[in-house]
Each structure stands twice: as C-alpha cells, then as structure tokens.
Amino acid sequence: MGLKTVMKAAPIGETEDNRLILEFQIRVLTVLVNRGVLSHGQLEKGLVLLKERTR
C-alpha cells in the first residue's frame, strides 16, 4: 500500500462519514511512515493533498 492507494478514498466533504474517512487516511499515512513504507516526505505530501481536498 502506498500513498496513491491511501489517497483514493471518497471525496472529502462536510459530512460525518467524510470526517471519519479523513481521520482514517491520516492514521494510515502515519502507520505507513512508522513501519517504514512511506518516507516523511511522502507523509508531508499526503497531508498537503488531504488539506487541499478539504477546502
């Protein structure tokens, strides 16, 4: 599982379900970094992409 896979979840909006999806994506990114699957740079890129999607 890589950054592209994590980022393919449903579009983020204002609903409770989408907030849970966002929290899950952040947790998955964090776990992947902790296990050495993603680099810290990829984590930062993923968080920026999530931030852009929530606007």
Protein backbone atom coordinates (compact mmCIF):
# COMPACT_ATOMS: atom_id res chain seq x y z
CA MET A 1 0.00 0.00 0.00
CA GLY A 2 1.38 3.35 -0.98
CA LEU A 3 0.48 7.00 -0.97
CA LYS A 4 -1.67 6.72 -4.12
CA THR A 5 -3.73 3.91 -2.61
CA VAL A 6 -4.38 5.86 0.59
CA MET A 7 -5.42 8.96 -1.34
CA LYS A 8 -8.05 7.14 -3.45
CA ALA A 9 -10.77 7.24 -0.76
CA ALA A 10 -14.07 9.01 -1.32
CA PRO A 11 -14.02 12.79 -1.78
CA ILE A 12 -13.86 14.73 1.47
CA GLY A 13 -16.77 16.98 2.40
CA GLU A 14 -18.54 18.26 5.47
CA THR A 15 -20.39 15.08 6.46
CA GLU A 16 -19.55 12.95 9.48
CA ASP A 17 -18.66 9.98 7.24
CA ASN A 18 -16.17 12.05 5.28
CA ARG A 19 -14.60 13.33 8.50
CA LEU A 20 -14.08 9.72 9.56
CA ILE A 21 -12.54 8.91 6.17
CA LEU A 22 -10.14 11.84 6.61
CA GLU A 23 -9.15 10.67 10.11
CA PHE A 24 -8.62 7.14 8.79
CA GLN A 25 -6.41 8.36 5.93
CA ILE A 26 -4.25 10.35 8.36
CA ARG A 27 -3.91 7.31 10.64
CA VAL A 28 -2.99 5.05 7.71
CA LEU A 29 -0.37 7.53 6.49
CA THR A 30 1.10 7.71 10.00
CA VAL A 31 1.24 3.91 10.35
CA LEU A 32 2.89 3.54 6.95
CA VAL A 33 5.58 6.04 7.93
CA ASN A 34 6.12 4.31 11.29
CA ARG A 35 6.59 0.96 9.51
CA GLY A 36 8.99 2.47 7.01
CA VAL A 37 6.70 2.02 3.99
CA LEU A 38 6.45 5.75 3.33
CA SER A 39 9.08 8.40 3.90
CA HIS A 40 8.47 11.53 5.94
CA GLY A 41 8.45 13.47 2.67
CA GLN A 42 5.65 11.29 1.32
CA LEU A 43 3.74 11.81 4.59
CA GLU A 44 4.03 15.58 4.19
CA LYS A 45 2.89 15.33 0.56
CA GLY A 46 -0.09 13.19 1.59
CA LEU A 47 -1.12 15.61 4.33
CA VAL A 48 -0.89 18.54 1.90
CA LEU A 49 -3.09 16.66 -0.58
CA LEU A 50 -5.64 15.92 2.15
CA LYS A 51 -5.63 19.57 3.22
CA GLU A 52 -6.24 20.70 -0.37
CA ARG A 53 -9.13 18.23 -0.74
CA THR A 54 -10.88 19.55 2.38
CA ARG A 55 -11.09 23.14 1.15
